[in-house]
Amino acid sequence: MKSLLLTAGLDRLDEVRSFLTKDFPDELAALTPSVELILEEFLVNVVTHAYKGSPGPLEVNIRQVTFDDWPHLVLEVVDWGPPFDPFSEATPPELTQDIDDKPIGGLGIHLIRNIAAHHSYCRDRGANSVEVWVRCP
């Protein structure tokens, strides 16, 4: 497992991307855009909502697992903000509105749900932990 612990901030996005793609196996290269989108969405949400724009700790873990005889890449994002399950508490997006009339934002969790083979949330020892499993090609 690869782990990165940093102070959350939008200015740290490139560092998180670099952590992710450094030593990324060639067979997983096709997953890079999806994984980057997932990490960016969670980083923005943590900075904006968990820490209200203030600095706060963020942990990012990435590992490969086999589930039901199929390889998956598991991304875990941990923050120490107030309890919040984005999968059950985030407001569902309005998908029937014309794209030109839709305000920016609100689609991240929806996109993650559609990319992920599995997702989970837990609150443990004062931290929010979100896992997203992406099925490998």
N, C-alpha and C. Protein backbone atom coordinates (compact mmCIF):
# COMPACT_ATOMS: atom_id res chain seq x y z
N MET A 1 0.85 -1.18 0.00
CA MET A 1 0.00 0.00 0.00
C MET A 1 0.90 1.24 0.00
N LYS A 2 0.49 2.22 -0.79
CA LYS A 2 1.16 3.52 -0.79
C LYS A 2 0.32 4.48 0.03
N SER A 3 0.97 5.28 0.86
CA SER A 3 0.27 6.24 1.71
C SER A 3 0.91 7.61 1.60
N LEU A 4 0.06 8.62 1.69
CA LEU A 4 0.52 10.01 1.68
C LEU A 4 -0.27 10.74 2.75
N LEU A 5 0.44 11.41 3.65
CA LEU A 5 -0.20 12.24 4.67
C LEU A 5 0.25 13.67 4.41
N LEU A 6 -0.71 14.58 4.28
CA LEU A 6 -0.39 15.97 3.98
C LEU A 6 -1.42 16.89 4.59
N THR A 7 -1.14 18.17 4.55
CA THR A 7 -2.11 19.17 4.96
C THR A 7 -2.97 19.47 3.74
N ALA A 8 -4.28 19.28 3.89
CA ALA A 8 -5.20 19.44 2.77
C ALA A 8 -5.23 20.89 2.30
N GLY A 9 -5.21 21.05 1.01
CA GLY A 9 -5.33 22.37 0.39
C GLY A 9 -5.45 22.19 -1.10
N LEU A 10 -6.17 23.06 -1.75
CA LEU A 10 -6.33 22.94 -3.19
C LEU A 10 -4.99 23.07 -3.91
N ASP A 11 -4.05 23.76 -3.28
CA ASP A 11 -2.73 23.90 -3.87
C ASP A 11 -1.92 22.61 -3.79
N ARG A 12 -2.44 21.59 -3.14
CA ARG A 12 -1.73 20.30 -2.98
C ARG A 12 -2.18 19.27 -4.01
N LEU A 13 -3.09 19.65 -4.89
CA LEU A 13 -3.64 18.71 -5.86
C LEU A 13 -2.55 18.08 -6.73
N ASP A 14 -1.60 18.87 -7.20
CA ASP A 14 -0.53 18.33 -8.03
C ASP A 14 0.32 17.32 -7.26
N GLU A 15 0.52 17.59 -5.98
CA GLU A 15 1.29 16.65 -5.15
C GLU A 15 0.55 15.32 -5.01
N VAL A 16 -0.76 15.39 -4.84
CA VAL A 16 -1.56 14.16 -4.74
C VAL A 16 -1.54 13.41 -6.07
N ARG A 17 -1.67 14.13 -7.17
CA ARG A 17 -1.61 13.49 -8.50
C ARG A 17 -0.25 12.82 -8.71
N SER A 18 0.82 13.50 -8.34
CA SER A 18 2.15 12.95 -8.49
C SER A 18 2.30 11.68 -7.65
N PHE A 19 1.81 11.73 -6.42
CA PHE A 19 1.83 10.55 -5.55
C PHE A 19 1.13 9.38 -6.22
N LEU A 20 0.00 9.68 -6.81
CA LEU A 20 -0.80 8.64 -7.45
C LEU A 20 -0.09 8.03 -8.64
N THR A 21 0.43 8.86 -9.53
CA THR A 21 0.95 8.35 -10.80
C THR A 21 2.39 7.88 -10.72
N LYS A 22 3.13 8.28 -9.69
CA LYS A 22 4.50 7.81 -9.55
C LYS A 22 4.48 6.30 -9.33
N ASP A 23 5.23 5.60 -10.14
CA ASP A 23 5.32 4.14 -10.05
C ASP A 23 3.98 3.44 -10.33
N PHE A 24 3.08 4.13 -11.02
CA PHE A 24 1.80 3.52 -11.37
C PHE A 24 2.09 2.44 -12.42
N PRO A 25 1.68 1.20 -12.20
CA PRO A 25 1.96 0.14 -13.18
C PRO A 25 1.34 0.45 -14.55
N ASP A 26 2.05 0.06 -15.60
CA ASP A 26 1.58 0.32 -16.96
C ASP A 26 0.19 -0.25 -17.21
N GLU A 27 -0.09 -1.40 -16.63
CA GLU A 27 -1.39 -2.04 -16.86
C GLU A 27 -2.55 -1.25 -16.25
N LEU A 28 -2.24 -0.30 -15.39
CA LEU A 28 -3.29 0.51 -14.77
C LEU A 28 -3.37 1.92 -15.37
N ALA A 29 -2.56 2.20 -16.36
CA ALA A 29 -2.51 3.55 -16.95
C ALA A 29 -3.88 4.01 -17.43
N ALA A 30 -4.70 3.10 -17.92
CA ALA A 30 -6.03 3.47 -18.41
C ALA A 30 -6.93 4.01 -17.29
N LEU A 31 -6.61 3.67 -16.05
CA LEU A 31 -7.41 4.12 -14.90
C LEU A 31 -7.02 5.52 -14.42
N THR A 32 -5.91 6.04 -14.89
CA THR A 32 -5.40 7.31 -14.38
C THR A 32 -6.43 8.44 -14.40
N PRO A 33 -7.14 8.70 -15.51
CA PRO A 33 -8.11 9.80 -15.49
C PRO A 33 -9.22 9.60 -14.46
N SER A 34 -9.72 8.39 -14.32
CA SER A 34 -10.78 8.11 -13.35
C SER A 34 -10.28 8.30 -11.92
N VAL A 35 -9.09 7.78 -11.65
CA VAL A 35 -8.53 7.87 -10.31
C VAL A 35 -8.22 9.33 -9.97
N GLU A 36 -7.69 10.09 -10.92
CA GLU A 36 -7.42 11.50 -10.68
C GLU A 36 -8.71 12.26 -10.39
N LEU A 37 -9.78 11.95 -11.12
CA LEU A 37 -11.06 12.62 -10.89
C LEU A 37 -11.58 12.31 -9.48
N ILE A 38 -11.48 11.06 -9.07
CA ILE A 38 -11.95 10.66 -7.74
C ILE A 38 -11.16 11.40 -6.66
N LEU A 39 -9.83 11.39 -6.77
CA LEU A 39 -9.01 12.06 -5.76
C LEU A 39 -9.24 13.56 -5.75
N GLU A 40 -9.37 14.16 -6.92
CA GLU A 40 -9.62 15.60 -6.97
C GLU A 40 -10.95 15.94 -6.31
N GLU A 41 -11.98 15.16 -6.59
CA GLU A 41 -13.29 15.41 -6.01
C GLU A 41 -13.23 15.34 -4.49
N PHE A 42 -12.59 14.31 -3.96
CA PHE A 42 -12.52 14.18 -2.50
C PHE A 42 -11.64 15.26 -1.88
N LEU A 43 -10.54 15.61 -2.53
CA LEU A 43 -9.68 16.67 -1.99
C LEU A 43 -10.44 17.99 -1.93
N VAL A 44 -11.14 18.34 -3.00
CA VAL A 44 -11.93 19.58 -3.01
C VAL A 44 -12.99 19.54 -1.93
N ASN A 45 -13.67 18.41 -1.78
CA ASN A 45 -14.72 18.29 -0.76
C ASN A 45 -14.16 18.40 0.65
N VAL A 46 -13.02 17.79 0.90
CA VAL A 46 -12.41 17.85 2.23
C VAL A 46 -12.02 19.29 2.56
N VAL A 47 -11.35 19.95 1.61
CA VAL A 47 -10.92 21.34 1.85
C VAL A 47 -12.12 22.25 2.06
N THR A 48 -13.13 22.10 1.19
CA THR A 48 -14.28 22.99 1.20
C THR A 48 -15.23 22.72 2.36
N HIS A 49 -15.53 21.45 2.60
CA HIS A 49 -16.58 21.12 3.57
C HIS A 49 -16.04 20.65 4.92
N ALA A 50 -15.09 19.72 4.92
CA ALA A 50 -14.60 19.20 6.20
C ALA A 50 -13.81 20.25 6.97
N TYR A 51 -12.96 21.01 6.26
CA TYR A 51 -12.10 21.97 6.93
C TYR A 51 -12.49 23.42 6.65
N LYS A 52 -13.58 23.63 5.93
CA LYS A 52 -14.11 24.98 5.66
C LYS A 52 -13.05 25.94 5.14
N GLY A 53 -12.14 25.42 4.28
CA GLY A 53 -11.11 26.26 3.68
C GLY A 53 -9.87 26.42 4.52
N SER A 54 -9.89 25.94 5.77
CA SER A 54 -8.71 26.01 6.63
C SER A 54 -7.84 24.77 6.43
N PRO A 55 -6.57 24.84 6.80
CA PRO A 55 -5.71 23.66 6.68
C PRO A 55 -6.18 22.55 7.62
N GLY A 56 -5.96 21.34 7.20
CA GLY A 56 -6.28 20.18 8.03
C GLY A 56 -5.62 18.95 7.45
N PRO A 57 -5.42 17.92 8.26
CA PRO A 57 -4.73 16.73 7.78
C PRO A 57 -5.58 15.92 6.80
N LEU A 58 -4.89 15.32 5.84
CA LEU A 58 -5.52 14.47 4.84
C LEU A 58 -4.59 13.29 4.60
N GLU A 59 -5.16 12.12 4.56
CA GLU A 59 -4.39 10.91 4.26
C GLU A 59 -4.97 10.29 3.00
N VAL A 60 -4.09 9.92 2.08
CA VAL A 60 -4.51 9.24 0.85
C VAL A 60 -3.76 7.92 0.79
N ASN A 61 -4.51 6.84 0.62
CA ASN A 61 -3.92 5.51 0.50
C ASN A 61 -4.39 4.88 -0.81
N ILE A 62 -3.51 4.11 -1.41
CA ILE A 62 -3.86 3.42 -2.64
C ILE A 62 -3.26 2.01 -2.58
N ARG A 63 -4.06 1.04 -2.95
CA ARG A 63 -3.58 -0.34 -2.93
C ARG A 63 -4.32 -1.15 -3.98
N GLN A 64 -3.73 -2.27 -4.36
CA GLN A 64 -4.39 -3.19 -5.28
C GLN A 64 -4.88 -4.38 -4.49
N VAL A 65 -6.07 -4.83 -4.82
CA VAL A 65 -6.65 -6.03 -4.21
C VAL A 65 -7.30 -6.87 -5.30
N THR A 66 -7.54 -8.11 -4.96
CA THR A 66 -8.32 -8.98 -5.84
C THR A 66 -9.62 -9.30 -5.13
N PHE A 67 -10.72 -9.08 -5.82
CA PHE A 67 -12.04 -9.35 -5.26
C PHE A 67 -12.83 -10.11 -6.31
N ASP A 68 -13.39 -11.25 -5.92
CA ASP A 68 -14.11 -12.12 -6.85
C ASP A 68 -13.27 -12.41 -8.09
N ASP A 69 -12.01 -12.72 -7.86
CA ASP A 69 -11.07 -13.09 -8.92
C ASP A 69 -10.80 -11.97 -9.92
N TRP A 70 -11.05 -10.72 -9.54
CA TRP A 70 -10.78 -9.61 -10.45
C TRP A 70 -9.96 -8.55 -9.71
N PRO A 71 -8.91 -8.02 -10.33
CA PRO A 71 -8.11 -6.99 -9.67
C PRO A 71 -8.85 -5.66 -9.59
N HIS A 72 -8.66 -4.98 -8.47
CA HIS A 72 -9.23 -3.66 -8.23
C HIS A 72 -8.15 -2.75 -7.67
N LEU A 73 -8.30 -1.48 -7.94
CA LEU A 73 -7.48 -0.46 -7.32
C LEU A 73 -8.36 0.20 -6.27
N VAL A 74 -7.87 0.27 -5.03
CA VAL A 74 -8.65 0.83 -3.93
C VAL A 74 -8.00 2.15 -3.51
N LEU A 75 -8.81 3.20 -3.56
CA LEU A 75 -8.38 4.53 -3.12
C LEU A 75 -9.07 4.83 -1.81
N GLU A 76 -8.31 5.24 -0.82
CA GLU A 76 -8.89 5.62 0.46
C GLU A 76 -8.47 7.05 0.77
N VAL A 77 -9.45 7.86 1.17
CA VAL A 77 -9.20 9.24 1.57
C VAL A 77 -9.71 9.39 3.00
N VAL A 78 -8.84 9.88 3.88
CA VAL A 78 -9.17 10.02 5.30
C VAL A 78 -9.01 11.49 5.70
N ASP A 79 -10.03 12.02 6.40
CA ASP A 79 -9.94 13.37 6.94
C ASP A 79 -10.46 13.36 8.37
N TRP A 80 -10.14 14.40 9.10
CA TRP A 80 -10.53 14.50 10.51
C TRP A 80 -11.52 15.63 10.73
N GLY A 81 -12.35 15.88 9.73
CA GLY A 81 -13.41 16.87 9.85
C GLY A 81 -14.62 16.27 10.56
N PRO A 82 -15.72 17.02 10.62
CA PRO A 82 -16.94 16.51 11.23
C PRO A 82 -17.44 15.27 10.47
N PRO A 83 -18.17 14.39 11.13
CA PRO A 83 -18.69 13.21 10.45
C PRO A 83 -19.51 13.59 9.22
N PHE A 84 -19.23 12.92 8.11
CA PHE A 84 -19.99 13.16 6.89
C PHE A 84 -19.79 12.00 5.93
N ASP A 85 -20.88 11.34 5.57
CA ASP A 85 -20.87 10.26 4.59
C ASP A 85 -21.32 10.84 3.26
N PRO A 86 -20.40 11.07 2.34
CA PRO A 86 -20.80 11.69 1.08
C PRO A 86 -21.74 10.83 0.24
N PHE A 87 -21.72 9.53 0.46
CA PHE A 87 -22.55 8.64 -0.35
C PHE A 87 -24.01 8.62 0.11
N SER A 88 -24.25 8.95 1.37
CA SER A 88 -25.64 8.96 1.83
C SER A 88 -26.14 10.36 2.21
N GLU A 89 -25.21 11.31 2.44
CA GLU A 89 -25.62 12.63 2.90
C GLU A 89 -25.50 13.73 1.86
N ALA A 90 -24.74 13.50 0.80
CA ALA A 90 -24.59 14.54 -0.24
C ALA A 90 -25.92 14.68 -0.99
N THR A 91 -26.25 15.90 -1.34
CA THR A 91 -27.48 16.17 -2.08
C THR A 91 -27.37 15.57 -3.47
N PRO A 92 -28.36 14.76 -3.87
CA PRO A 92 -28.31 14.19 -5.23
C PRO A 92 -28.39 15.31 -6.27
N PRO A 93 -27.66 15.16 -7.37
CA PRO A 93 -27.66 16.22 -8.38
C PRO A 93 -28.96 16.24 -9.18
N GLU A 94 -29.27 17.39 -9.71
CA GLU A 94 -30.41 17.55 -10.63
C GLU A 94 -29.89 17.20 -12.02
N LEU A 95 -30.33 16.08 -12.55
CA LEU A 95 -29.81 15.60 -13.82
C LEU A 95 -30.70 15.92 -15.02
N THR A 96 -31.87 16.46 -14.77
CA THR A 96 -32.78 16.76 -15.87
C THR A 96 -32.62 18.18 -16.39
N GLN A 97 -31.91 19.01 -15.64
CA GLN A 97 -31.74 20.41 -16.02
C GLN A 97 -30.77 20.52 -17.20
N ASP A 98 -31.01 21.46 -18.11
CA ASP A 98 -30.12 21.71 -19.24
C ASP A 98 -28.74 22.09 -18.71
N ILE A 99 -27.71 21.57 -19.34
CA ILE A 99 -26.35 21.78 -18.87
C ILE A 99 -25.97 23.26 -18.79
N ASP A 100 -26.51 24.08 -19.71
CA ASP A 100 -26.21 25.51 -19.69
C ASP A 100 -26.87 26.24 -18.52
N ASP A 101 -27.94 25.65 -17.97
CA ASP A 101 -28.65 26.28 -16.86
C ASP A 101 -28.21 25.74 -15.50
N LYS A 102 -27.42 24.68 -15.51
CA LYS A 102 -27.03 24.03 -14.28
C LYS A 102 -25.87 24.78 -13.61
N PRO A 103 -25.97 25.02 -12.30
CA PRO A 103 -24.84 25.65 -11.60
C PRO A 103 -23.65 24.70 -11.56
N ILE A 104 -22.46 25.27 -11.43
CA ILE A 104 -21.24 24.47 -11.35
C ILE A 104 -21.24 23.72 -10.02
N GLY A 105 -20.78 22.46 -10.08
CA GLY A 105 -20.64 21.65 -8.87
C GLY A 105 -21.81 20.72 -8.65
N GLY A 106 -21.62 19.82 -7.71
CA GLY A 106 -22.68 18.92 -7.31
C GLY A 106 -22.73 17.60 -8.04
N LEU A 107 -21.83 17.38 -9.00
CA LEU A 107 -21.85 16.12 -9.75
C LEU A 107 -20.77 15.13 -9.31
N GLY A 108 -19.85 15.55 -8.46
CA GLY A 108 -18.71 14.72 -8.10
C GLY A 108 -19.06 13.36 -7.55
N ILE A 109 -19.89 13.30 -6.54
CA ILE A 109 -20.24 12.02 -5.93
C ILE A 109 -21.02 11.16 -6.94
N HIS A 110 -21.86 11.79 -7.73
CA HIS A 110 -22.59 11.07 -8.78
C HIS A 110 -21.60 10.42 -9.76
N LEU A 111 -20.60 11.16 -10.18
CA LEU A 111 -19.60 10.61 -11.10
C LEU A 111 -18.81 9.47 -10.44
N ILE A 112 -18.43 9.66 -9.19
CA ILE A 112 -17.70 8.61 -8.47
C ILE A 112 -18.53 7.33 -8.38
N ARG A 113 -19.80 7.46 -8.07
CA ARG A 113 -20.68 6.28 -8.01
C ARG A 113 -20.69 5.53 -9.34
N ASN A 114 -20.61 6.28 -10.44
CA ASN A 114 -20.66 5.65 -11.76
C ASN A 114 -19.32 5.07 -12.20
N ILE A 115 -18.24 5.56 -11.65
CA ILE A 115 -16.91 5.04 -11.96
C ILE A 115 -16.60 3.81 -11.10
N ALA A 116 -17.02 3.85 -9.86
CA ALA A 116 -16.62 2.85 -8.87
C ALA A 116 -17.34 1.52 -9.02
N ALA A 117 -16.59 0.46 -8.78
CA ALA A 117 -17.19 -0.86 -8.66
C ALA A 117 -17.81 -1.02 -7.27
N HIS A 118 -17.23 -0.31 -6.31
CA HIS A 118 -17.69 -0.37 -4.92
C HIS A 118 -17.23 0.92 -4.24
N HIS A 119 -18.01 1.39 -3.29
CA HIS A 119 -17.61 2.54 -2.48
C HIS A 119 -18.10 2.33 -1.06
N SER A 120 -17.38 2.92 -0.10
CA SER A 120 -17.79 2.77 1.29
C SER A 120 -17.34 3.99 2.09
N TYR A 121 -17.99 4.17 3.22
CA TYR A 121 -17.66 5.22 4.17
C TYR A 121 -17.69 4.62 5.56
N CYS A 122 -16.78 5.07 6.41
CA CYS A 122 -16.88 4.74 7.84
C CYS A 122 -16.28 5.88 8.65
N ARG A 123 -16.76 6.00 9.86
CA ARG A 123 -16.22 6.96 10.83
C ARG A 123 -15.49 6.12 11.85
N ASP A 124 -14.18 6.34 12.00
CA ASP A 124 -13.39 5.52 12.90
C ASP A 124 -12.35 6.38 13.60
N ARG A 125 -12.32 6.33 14.91
CA ARG A 125 -11.35 7.05 15.73
C ARG A 125 -11.28 8.53 15.38
N GLY A 126 -12.46 9.14 15.19
CA GLY A 126 -12.53 10.56 14.94
C GLY A 126 -12.23 10.98 13.50
N ALA A 127 -12.17 10.02 12.60
CA ALA A 127 -11.84 10.33 11.21
C ALA A 127 -12.91 9.80 10.26
N ASN A 128 -13.09 10.50 9.16
CA ASN A 128 -13.91 10.02 8.05
C ASN A 128 -13.01 9.24 7.11
N SER A 129 -13.44 8.06 6.73
CA SER A 129 -12.67 7.25 5.79
C SER A 129 -13.60 6.86 4.64
N VAL A 130 -13.19 7.23 3.43
CA VAL A 130 -13.96 6.90 2.23
C VAL A 130 -13.08 6.01 1.37
N GLU A 131 -13.64 4.90 0.93
CA GLU A 131 -12.94 4.02 0.00
C GLU A 131 -13.72 3.93 -1.30
N VAL A 132 -12.97 3.95 -2.40
CA VAL A 132 -13.55 3.76 -3.72
C VAL A 132 -12.73 2.68 -4.41
N TRP A 133 -13.43 1.63 -4.86
CA TRP A 133 -12.81 0.53 -5.55
C TRP A 133 -13.07 0.69 -7.04
N VAL A 134 -12.00 0.68 -7.84
CA VAL A 134 -12.12 0.79 -9.29
C VAL A 134 -11.61 -0.52 -9.89
N ARG A 135 -12.46 -1.11 -10.69
CA ARG A 135 -12.10 -2.39 -11.31
C ARG A 135 -11.01 -2.16 -12.36
N CYS A 136 -9.97 -2.96 -12.29
CA CYS A 136 -8.85 -2.83 -13.22
C CYS A 136 -9.21 -3.45 -14.57
N PRO A 137 -8.60 -2.91 -15.63
CA PRO A 137 -8.88 -3.46 -16.97
C PRO A 137 -8.31 -4.86 -17.12
